[in-house]
């Protein structure tokens, strides 16, 4: 195990570490910190050391307010995403951060997240295409509740390593389920064609963009 290093009294950005306050569900040391603005926050040694947490949130709030982000739906989505992946005190942390789901380093900055994702339309919310993967540009989209529900119900991963792609009798094919009815592609000699066929089935039956 790594040697324990007491961070009490040390400064990280706007934060001064007050005391150790226990362990996160993933056994990481938690520190209670006092911010220059008077606010307090609890975070891990790693977040302090690599600069992911440098204030109680006031620095980010200043940036967001300056750029008008606090008025946007994407900002509230971003805050919720960051909390459930990084804050052990968040009610959803046990289903995200505690099981290893992370936010890519670029998206620790709201303005980068907003530039990559834009704004949701209507009732769309942030959806991970691979529900076991991280929050990152190539795995996220704005999706309707219907699409999200389909994604949640999707089996984890088949033995081929791709959702809905099946290997049988030395051949590959894909399938999709719509209202309890299964639709199948033709049979292929290689997995690449079967993966493409799965995407075509999604576009046809689930209206994926």
C-alpha atoms as a PDB file:
ATOM      1  CA  UNK A   1       0.000   0.000   0.000  1.00  0.00           C
ATOM      2  CA  UNK A   2       1.219   3.565  -0.652  1.00  0.00           C
ATOM      3  CA  UNK A   3       2.705   5.299   2.359  1.00  0.00           C
ATOM      4  CA  UNK A   4       0.223   7.547   4.156  1.00  0.00           C
ATOM      5  CA  UNK A   5       1.177  11.238   3.910  1.00  0.00           C
ATOM      6  CA  UNK A   6      -0.563  13.716   6.187  1.00  0.00           C
ATOM      7  CA  UNK A   7      -1.847  16.620   4.094  1.00  0.00           C
ATOM      8  CA  UNK A   8      -3.094  18.667   7.074  1.00  0.00           C
ATOM      9  CA  UNK A   9      -2.149  22.341   6.761  1.00  0.00           C
ATOM     10  CA  UNK A  10      -1.046  22.097   3.140  1.00  0.00           C
ATOM     11  CA  UNK A  11      -2.391  24.457   0.499  1.00  0.00           C
ATOM     12  CA  UNK A  12      -3.775  23.371  -2.860  1.00  0.00           C
ATOM     13  CA  UNK A  13      -4.949  26.329  -4.937  1.00  0.00           C
ATOM     14  CA  UNK A  14      -7.552  28.136  -2.819  1.00  0.00           C
ATOM     15  CA  UNK A  15      -7.814  25.244  -0.355  1.00  0.00           C
ATOM     16  CA  UNK A  16      -6.066  24.596   2.946  1.00  0.00           C
ATOM     17  CA  UNK A  17      -6.439  21.061   4.289  1.00  0.00           C
ATOM     18  CA  UNK A  18      -8.045  21.012   7.754  1.00  0.00           C
ATOM     19  CA  UNK A  19      -8.144  17.337   8.668  1.00  0.00           C
ATOM     20  CA  UNK A  20      -8.653  13.756   7.514  1.00  0.00           C
ATOM     21  CA  UNK A  21     -12.318  12.749   7.633  1.00  0.00           C
ATOM     22  CA  UNK A  22     -12.298   9.071   6.689  1.00  0.00           C
ATOM     23  CA  UNK A  23     -12.289   6.958   3.554  1.00  0.00           C
ATOM     24  CA  UNK A  24     -14.359   6.946   0.379  1.00  0.00           C
ATOM     25  CA  UNK A  25     -16.187   3.761  -0.726  1.00  0.00           C
ATOM     26  CA  UNK A  26     -13.120   3.032  -2.878  1.00  0.00           C
ATOM     27  CA  UNK A  27     -10.872   3.308   0.234  1.00  0.00           C
ATOM     28  CA  UNK A  28      -9.292   6.630  -0.740  1.00  0.00           C
ATOM     29  CA  UNK A  29      -8.351   9.075   2.036  1.00  0.00           C
ATOM     30  CA  UNK A  30     -10.784  11.982   2.353  1.00  0.00           C
ATOM     31  CA  UNK A  31      -9.743  15.461   3.505  1.00  0.00           C
ATOM     32  CA  UNK A  32     -11.880  18.315   4.758  1.00  0.00           C
ATOM     33  CA  UNK A  33     -10.591  21.575   3.307  1.00  0.00           C
ATOM     34  CA  UNK A  34     -11.225  25.267   3.945  1.00  0.00           C
ATOM     35  CA  UNK A  35     -11.460  27.547   0.923  1.00  0.00           C
ATOM     36  CA  UNK A  36     -10.190  31.118   0.827  1.00  0.00           C
ATOM     37  CA  UNK A  37     -13.789  32.253   0.304  1.00  0.00           C
ATOM     38  CA  UNK A  38     -14.817  30.645   3.613  1.00  0.00           C
ATOM     39  CA  UNK A  39     -16.506  27.613   2.099  1.00  0.00           C
ATOM     40  CA  UNK A  40     -15.570  24.012   2.848  1.00  0.00           C
ATOM     41  CA  UNK A  41     -15.283  20.876   0.740  1.00  0.00           C
ATOM     42  CA  UNK A  42     -14.312  17.220   1.118  1.00  0.00           C
ATOM     43  CA  UNK A  43     -12.106  15.565  -1.474  1.00  0.00           C
ATOM     44  CA  UNK A  44      -9.474  12.866  -1.966  1.00  0.00           C
ATOM     45  CA  UNK A  45      -5.683  13.097  -1.889  1.00  0.00           C
ATOM     46  CA  UNK A  46      -5.555  12.333  -5.607  1.00  0.00           C
ATOM     47  CA  UNK A  47      -7.909  15.161  -6.533  1.00  0.00           C
ATOM     48  CA  UNK A  48      -5.786  17.594  -4.536  1.00  0.00           C
ATOM     49  CA  UNK A  49      -2.454  16.379  -5.864  1.00  0.00           C
ATOM     50  CA  UNK A  50      -3.353  16.461  -9.568  1.00  0.00           C
ATOM     51  CA  UNK A  51      -5.217  19.748  -9.314  1.00  0.00           C
ATOM     52  CA  UNK A  52      -8.740  18.473  -9.986  1.00  0.00           C
ATOM     53  CA  UNK A  53      -9.980  20.153  -6.790  1.00  0.00           C
ATOM     54  CA  UNK A  54      -8.555  23.603  -6.102  1.00  0.00           C
ATOM     55  CA  UNK A  55     -11.519  25.372  -4.483  1.00  0.00           C
ATOM     56  CA  UNK A  56     -14.864  24.667  -2.834  1.00  0.00           C
ATOM     57  CA  UNK A  57     -16.456  25.348  -6.190  1.00  0.00           C
ATOM     58  CA  UNK A  58     -16.263  29.138  -6.040  1.00  0.00           C
ATOM     59  CA  UNK A  59     -13.582  29.402  -8.730  1.00  0.00           C
ATOM     60  CA  UNK A  60     -15.683  27.434 -11.179  1.00  0.00           C
ATOM     61  CA  UNK A  61     -18.781  29.410 -10.252  1.00  0.00           C
ATOM     62  CA  UNK A  62     -16.922  32.625 -11.028  1.00  0.00           C
ATOM     63  CA  UNK A  63     -15.947  31.323 -14.466  1.00  0.00           C
ATOM     64  CA  UNK A  64     -19.421  29.994 -15.244  1.00  0.00           C
ATOM     65  CA  UNK A  65     -21.104  33.206 -14.142  1.00  0.00           C
ATOM     66  CA  UNK A  66     -18.715  35.223 -16.298  1.00  0.00           C
ATOM     67  CA  UNK A  67     -19.541  33.139 -19.383  1.00  0.00           C
ATOM     68  CA  UNK A  68     -23.263  32.759 -18.663  1.00  0.00           C
ATOM     69  CA  UNK A  69     -23.057  28.970 -18.245  1.00  0.00           C
ATOM     70  CA  UNK A  70     -25.151  28.939 -15.081  1.00  0.00           C
ATOM     71  CA  UNK A  71     -28.218  29.757 -17.201  1.00  0.00           C
ATOM     72  CA  UNK A  72     -27.799  26.673 -19.403  1.00  0.00           C
ATOM     73  CA  UNK A  73     -29.170  23.139 -19.029  1.00  0.00           C
ATOM     74  CA  UNK A  74     -25.754  21.756 -19.907  1.00  0.00           C
ATOM     75  CA  UNK A  75     -24.273  23.371 -16.796  1.00  0.00           C
ATOM     76  CA  UNK A  76     -26.676  21.639 -14.396  1.00  0.00           C
ATOM     77  CA  UNK A  77     -26.034  18.372 -16.230  1.00  0.00           C
ATOM     78  CA  UNK A  78     -22.279  18.891 -15.962  1.00  0.00           C
ATOM     79  CA  UNK A  79     -22.475  19.604 -12.219  1.00  0.00           C
ATOM     80  CA  UNK A  80     -24.525  16.458 -11.579  1.00  0.00           C
ATOM     81  CA  UNK A  81     -22.106  14.369 -13.663  1.00  0.00           C
ATOM     82  CA  UNK A  82     -19.091  15.674 -11.750  1.00  0.00           C
ATOM     83  CA  UNK A  83     -20.744  15.107  -8.358  1.00  0.00           C
ATOM     84  CA  UNK A  84     -21.779  11.515  -8.923  1.00  0.00           C
ATOM     85  CA  UNK A  85     -18.354  10.582 -10.258  1.00  0.00           C
ATOM     86  CA  UNK A  86     -16.157  12.499  -7.801  1.00  0.00           C
ATOM     87  CA  UNK A  87     -18.024  13.290  -4.594  1.00  0.00           C
ATOM     88  CA  UNK A  88     -18.380  10.327  -2.185  1.00  0.00           C
ATOM     89  CA  UNK A  89     -21.133  12.230  -0.376  1.00  0.00           C
ATOM     90  CA  UNK A  90     -23.361  12.385  -3.473  1.00  0.00           C
ATOM     91  CA  UNK A  91     -26.362  10.028  -3.319  1.00  0.00           C
ATOM     92  CA  UNK A  92     -25.493   8.475  -6.694  1.00  0.00           C
ATOM     93  CA  UNK A  93     -21.737   8.104  -6.122  1.00  0.00           C
ATOM     94  CA  UNK A  94     -22.053   4.404  -5.260  1.00  0.00           C
ATOM     95  CA  UNK A  95     -23.376   3.700  -8.791  1.00  0.00           C
ATOM     96  CA  UNK A  96     -20.803   5.833 -10.597  1.00  0.00           C
ATOM     97  CA  UNK A  97     -17.554   6.960  -8.982  1.00  0.00           C
ATOM     98  CA  UNK A  98     -17.473   4.038  -6.538  1.00  0.00           C
ATOM     99  CA  UNK A  99     -17.568   1.490  -9.372  1.00  0.00           C
ATOM    100  CA  UNK A 100     -14.893   3.232 -11.421  1.00  0.00           C
ATOM    101  CA  UNK A 101     -16.910   5.409 -13.800  1.00  0.00           C
ATOM    102  CA  UNK A 102     -14.939   8.588 -14.463  1.00  0.00           C
ATOM    103  CA  UNK A 103     -15.256  11.905 -16.239  1.00  0.00           C
ATOM    104  CA  UNK A 104     -12.486  12.412 -18.805  1.00  0.00           C
ATOM    105  CA  UNK A 105      -9.947  15.028 -17.731  1.00  0.00           C
ATOM    106  CA  UNK A 106     -10.952  17.465 -20.511  1.00  0.00           C
ATOM    107  CA  UNK A 107     -14.510  17.568 -19.182  1.00  0.00           C
ATOM    108  CA  UNK A 108     -13.431  18.627 -15.708  1.00  0.00           C
ATOM    109  CA  UNK A 109     -13.708  22.059 -17.313  1.00  0.00           C
ATOM    110  CA  UNK A 110     -17.365  22.965 -17.953  1.00  0.00           C
ATOM    111  CA  UNK A 111     -16.640  25.170 -20.947  1.00  0.00           C
ATOM    112  CA  UNK A 112     -14.938  22.266 -22.741  1.00  0.00           C
ATOM    113  CA  UNK A 113     -17.885  19.988 -21.941  1.00  0.00           C
ATOM    114  CA  UNK A 114     -20.323  22.602 -23.256  1.00  0.00           C
ATOM    115  CA  UNK A 115     -18.295  23.113 -26.427  1.00  0.00           C
ATOM    116  CA  UNK A 116     -18.203  19.352 -27.096  1.00  0.00           C
ATOM    117  CA  UNK A 117     -21.823  18.533 -26.264  1.00  0.00           C
ATOM    118  CA  UNK A 118     -23.780  21.705 -26.972  1.00  0.00           C
ATOM    119  CA  UNK A 119     -27.236  22.002 -25.378  1.00  0.00           C
ATOM    120  CA  UNK A 120     -29.939  19.339 -24.975  1.00  0.00           C
ATOM    121  CA  UNK A 121     -33.240  19.663 -26.828  1.00  0.00           C
ATOM    122  CA  UNK A 122     -36.580  19.238 -25.092  1.00  0.00           C
ATOM    123  CA  UNK A 123     -36.445  16.437 -22.526  1.00  0.00           C
ATOM    124  CA  UNK A 124     -33.059  15.095 -23.625  1.00  0.00           C
ATOM    125  CA  UNK A 125     -30.552  14.198 -20.916  1.00  0.00           C
ATOM    126  CA  UNK A 126     -26.932  13.077 -20.965  1.00  0.00           C
ATOM    127  CA  UNK A 127     -26.583   9.413 -21.933  1.00  0.00           C
ATOM    128  CA  UNK A 128     -23.534   7.135 -22.074  1.00  0.00           C
ATOM    129  CA  UNK A 129     -23.789   4.948 -25.188  1.00  0.00           C
ATOM    130  CA  UNK A 130     -21.858   2.204 -23.390  1.00  0.00           C
ATOM    131  CA  UNK A 131     -23.471   2.316 -19.958  1.00  0.00           C
ATOM    132  CA  UNK A 132     -20.356   0.701 -18.475  1.00  0.00           C
ATOM    133  CA  UNK A 133     -17.996   3.273 -19.981  1.00  0.00           C
ATOM    134  CA  UNK A 134     -16.798   6.671 -18.848  1.00  0.00           C
ATOM    135  CA  UNK A 135     -18.100  10.161 -19.543  1.00  0.00           C
ATOM    136  CA  UNK A 136     -16.129  11.221 -22.608  1.00  0.00           C
ATOM    137  CA  UNK A 137     -16.937  12.714 -26.036  1.00  0.00           C
ATOM    138  CA  UNK A 138     -17.071   9.463 -28.008  1.00  0.00           C
ATOM    139  CA  UNK A 139     -19.315   7.763 -25.426  1.00  0.00           C
ATOM    140  CA  UNK A 140     -21.876  10.487 -24.697  1.00  0.00           C
ATOM    141  CA  UNK A 141     -24.890  12.016 -26.419  1.00  0.00           C
ATOM    142  CA  UNK A 142     -28.041  13.898 -25.575  1.00  0.00           C
ATOM    143  CA  UNK A 143     -30.850  11.336 -25.665  1.00  0.00           C
ATOM    144  CA  UNK A 144     -34.584  11.225 -25.080  1.00  0.00           C
ATOM    145  CA  UNK A 145     -35.994   9.246 -22.108  1.00  0.00           C
ATOM    146  CA  UNK A 146     -37.126   6.541 -24.559  1.00  0.00           C
ATOM    147  CA  UNK A 147     -33.649   6.042 -25.988  1.00  0.00           C
ATOM    148  CA  UNK A 148     -32.128   6.064 -22.513  1.00  0.00           C
ATOM    149  CA  UNK A 149     -34.571   3.408 -21.348  1.00  0.00           C
ATOM    150  CA  UNK A 150     -33.572   1.201 -24.276  1.00  0.00           C
ATOM    151  CA  UNK A 151     -29.924   1.689 -23.410  1.00  0.00           C
ATOM    152  CA  UNK A 152     -30.475   0.712 -19.762  1.00  0.00           C
ATOM    153  CA  UNK A 153     -32.270  -2.457 -20.827  1.00  0.00           C
ATOM    154  CA  UNK A 154     -29.550  -3.437 -23.285  1.00  0.00           C
ATOM    155  CA  UNK A 155     -27.540  -6.534 -22.251  1.00  0.00           C
ATOM    156  CA  UNK A 156     -24.067  -5.713 -20.985  1.00  0.00           C
ATOM    157  CA  UNK A 157     -21.729  -6.950 -23.706  1.00  0.00           C
ATOM    158  CA  UNK A 158     -21.927 -10.112 -25.815  1.00  0.00           C
ATOM    159  CA  UNK A 159     -19.022 -12.554 -26.114  1.00  0.00           C
ATOM    160  CA  UNK A 160     -17.920 -10.704 -29.248  1.00  0.00           C
ATOM    161  CA  UNK A 161     -17.285  -7.614 -27.132  1.00  0.00           C
ATOM    162  CA  UNK A 162     -20.013  -5.632 -28.939  1.00  0.00           C
ATOM    163  CA  UNK A 163     -23.627  -5.124 -27.940  1.00  0.00           C
ATOM    164  CA  UNK A 164     -26.047  -6.937 -30.245  1.00  0.00           C
ATOM    165  CA  UNK A 165     -23.323  -8.660 -32.286  1.00  0.00           C
ATOM    166  CA  UNK A 166     -23.350 -12.454 -32.149  1.00  0.00           C
ATOM    167  CA  UNK A 167     -20.824 -15.103 -33.227  1.00  0.00           C
ATOM    168  CA  UNK A 168     -22.295 -18.486 -34.172  1.00  0.00           C
ATOM    169  CA  UNK A 169     -21.061 -21.336 -36.376  1.00  0.00           C
ATOM    170  CA  UNK A 170     -17.987 -19.323 -37.334  1.00  0.00           C
ATOM    171  CA  UNK A 171     -20.136 -16.479 -38.654  1.00  0.00           C
ATOM    172  CA  UNK A 172     -21.207 -13.064 -37.313  1.00  0.00           C
ATOM    173  CA  UNK A 173     -24.607 -11.410 -37.325  1.00  0.00           C
ATOM    174  CA  UNK A 174     -26.399  -8.709 -35.366  1.00  0.00           C
ATOM    175  CA  UNK A 175     -29.823  -8.413 -33.782  1.00  0.00           C
ATOM    176  CA  UNK A 176     -32.004  -5.821 -32.072  1.00  0.00           C
ATOM    177  CA  UNK A 177     -35.158  -6.036 -29.948  1.00  0.00           C
ATOM    178  CA  UNK A 178     -38.124  -3.741 -30.522  1.00  0.00           C
ATOM    179  CA  UNK A 179     -41.262  -4.215 -28.382  1.00  0.00           C
ATOM    180  CA  UNK A 180     -40.283  -7.822 -27.576  1.00  0.00           C
ATOM    181  CA  UNK A 181     -39.730  -8.597 -31.264  1.00  0.00           C
ATOM    182  CA  UNK A 182     -36.265  -9.431 -32.540  1.00  0.00           C
ATOM    183  CA  UNK A 183     -34.874  -8.240 -35.867  1.00  0.00           C
ATOM    184  CA  UNK A 184     -31.763  -9.849 -37.396  1.00  0.00           C
ATOM    185  CA  UNK A 185     -29.196  -8.795 -39.958  1.00  0.00           C
ATOM    186  CA  UNK A 186     -27.761 -11.045 -42.628  1.00  0.00           C
ATOM    187  CA  UNK A 187     -24.814 -13.281 -41.732  1.00  0.00           C
ATOM    188  CA  UNK A 188     -21.228 -12.083 -42.261  1.00  0.00           C
ATOM    189  CA  UNK A 189     -17.755 -13.598 -42.351  1.00  0.00           C
ATOM    190  CA  UNK A 190     -16.192 -10.762 -40.331  1.00  0.00           C
ATOM    191  CA  UNK A 191     -17.191  -8.858 -37.214  1.00  0.00           C
ATOM    192  CA  UNK A 192     -16.735  -5.399 -38.766  1.00  0.00           C
ATOM    193  CA  UNK A 193     -19.660  -5.941 -41.141  1.00  0.00           C
ATOM    194  CA  UNK A 194     -21.810  -7.247 -38.283  1.00  0.00           C
ATOM    195  CA  UNK A 195     -21.021  -4.178 -36.162  1.00  0.00           C
ATOM    196  CA  UNK A 196     -22.023  -1.911 -39.047  1.00  0.00           C
ATOM    197  CA  UNK A 197     -25.219  -3.932 -39.518  1.00  0.00           C
ATOM    198  CA  UNK A 198     -26.065  -3.446 -35.836  1.00  0.00           C
ATOM    199  CA  UNK A 199     -25.744   0.332 -36.234  1.00  0.00           C
ATOM    200  CA  UNK A 200     -27.998   0.200 -39.291  1.00  0.00           C
ATOM    201  CA  UNK A 201     -30.602  -1.729 -37.275  1.00  0.00           C
ATOM    202  CA  UNK A 202     -30.434   0.925 -34.548  1.00  0.00           C
ATOM    203  CA  UNK A 203     -30.938   3.713 -37.086  1.00  0.00           C
ATOM    204  CA  UNK A 204     -33.861   1.898 -38.659  1.00  0.00           C
ATOM    205  CA  UNK A 205     -35.716   0.718 -35.547  1.00  0.00           C
ATOM    206  CA  UNK A 206     -34.566   3.081 -32.789  1.00  0.00           C
ATOM    207  CA  UNK A 207     -34.122   6.226 -34.901  1.00  0.00           C
ATOM    208  CA  UNK A 208     -30.567   6.796 -33.643  1.00  0.00           C
ATOM    209  CA  UNK A 209     -28.745   9.655 -35.273  1.00  0.00           C
END
